[in-house]
Protein backbone atom coordinates (compact mmCIF):
# COMPACT_ATOMS: atom_id res chain seq x y z
CA MET A 1 -65.53 -33.31 -124.27
CA LYS A 2 -62.98 -36.07 -124.75
CA ASN A 3 -61.20 -34.02 -127.42
CA VAL A 4 -60.95 -31.04 -125.08
CA LEU A 5 -59.40 -33.25 -122.42
CA TRP A 6 -56.79 -34.53 -124.90
CA PHE A 7 -56.09 -30.96 -126.02
CA VAL A 8 -55.54 -29.78 -122.44
CA LEU A 9 -53.34 -32.79 -121.68
CA GLY A 10 -51.33 -32.09 -124.83
CA LEU A 11 -50.82 -28.47 -123.82
CA ALA A 12 -49.74 -29.45 -120.32
CA GLY A 13 -47.39 -32.10 -121.70
CA GLY A 14 -45.89 -29.57 -124.09
CA PHE A 15 -45.23 -27.11 -121.31
CA VAL A 16 -43.63 -29.80 -119.16
CA ALA A 17 -41.46 -30.97 -122.08
CA ALA A 18 -40.41 -27.39 -122.87
CA HIS A 19 -39.51 -26.86 -119.21
CA PHE A 20 -37.21 -29.90 -119.23
CA VAL A 21 -35.68 -28.94 -122.57
CA ASP A 22 -35.05 -25.42 -121.28
CA LYS A 23 -33.05 -26.79 -118.31
CA ASP A 24 -30.44 -28.26 -120.67
CA PRO A 25 -28.01 -25.61 -122.03
CA ARG A 26 -28.35 -26.95 -125.59
CA GLY A 27 -32.11 -27.04 -125.28
CA HIS A 28 -32.11 -23.52 -123.87
CA GLU A 29 -30.10 -22.38 -126.90
CA VAL A 30 -32.54 -24.04 -129.30
CA LEU A 31 -35.54 -22.50 -127.56
CA ALA A 32 -33.86 -19.08 -127.60
CA GLU A 33 -33.27 -19.44 -131.36
CA VAL A 34 -36.90 -20.43 -131.92
CA ASP A 35 -38.01 -17.45 -129.86
CA ALA A 36 -35.78 -15.12 -131.88
CA ARG A 37 -37.21 -16.44 -135.15
CA ILE A 38 -40.77 -16.05 -133.90
CA THR A 39 -40.01 -12.49 -132.79
CA GLU A 40 -38.47 -11.69 -136.18
CA PHE A 41 -41.53 -13.13 -137.95
CA THR A 42 -44.01 -11.18 -135.83
CA ASP A 43 -41.98 -7.99 -136.34
CA ARG A 44 -42.12 -8.46 -140.12
CA ILE A 45 -45.85 -9.14 -140.02
CA GLY A 46 -46.34 -6.00 -137.90
CA GLU A 47 -44.32 -3.88 -140.32
CA ALA A 48 -46.29 -5.21 -143.29
CA TYR A 49 -49.57 -4.51 -141.48
CA ARG A 50 -48.53 -0.95 -140.67
CA ALA A 51 -47.41 -0.37 -144.28
CA GLN A 52 -50.75 -1.61 -145.63
CA GLU A 53 -52.62 0.47 -143.08
CA ALA A 54 -50.70 3.59 -144.13
CA LYS A 55 -51.40 2.81 -147.79
CA ILE A 56 -55.13 2.41 -147.13
CA ASP A 57 -55.18 5.59 -145.02
CA GLY A 58 -53.57 7.45 -147.93
CA ILE A 59 -56.17 6.14 -150.37
CA ALA A 60 -58.98 7.07 -147.97
CA ALA A 61 -57.56 10.60 -147.61
CA ASP A 62 -57.39 10.93 -151.41
CA VAL A 63 -61.02 9.82 -151.72
CA LYS A 64 -62.09 12.32 -149.05
CA ASP A 65 -60.23 15.12 -150.85
CA ALA A 66 -61.77 14.17 -154.20
CA THR A 67 -65.22 14.02 -152.63
CA ALA A 68 -64.79 17.43 -151.03
CA THR A 69 -63.56 18.92 -154.31
CA THR A 70 -66.49 17.43 -156.21
CA ARG A 71 -68.96 18.64 -153.57
CA ASP A 72 -67.50 22.16 -153.67
CA ALA A 73 -67.62 22.20 -157.47
CA ALA A 74 -71.23 21.00 -157.46
CA ALA A 75 -72.15 23.63 -154.86
CA SER A 76 -70.58 26.42 -156.92
CA LEU A 77 -72.42 25.21 -160.04
CA ALA A 78 -75.71 25.14 -158.15
CA ASP A 79 -75.24 28.77 -157.07
């Protein structure tokens, strides 16, 4: 419980410190730069995720097609 209290106090202190830093024009500029870098990072991660998802979807579609072809071939051989 003591660790949770310290965690909450640390979060609150961080927000207060960020608020004071944001009031200063130089601090505002630094925080804006940090925000831009974080946004760029999350955009890159999102693009990579979507690329991997598309790649996996393509592989899954190929497997489905191969399965259907094999099933159709097996059905025609059984007839």
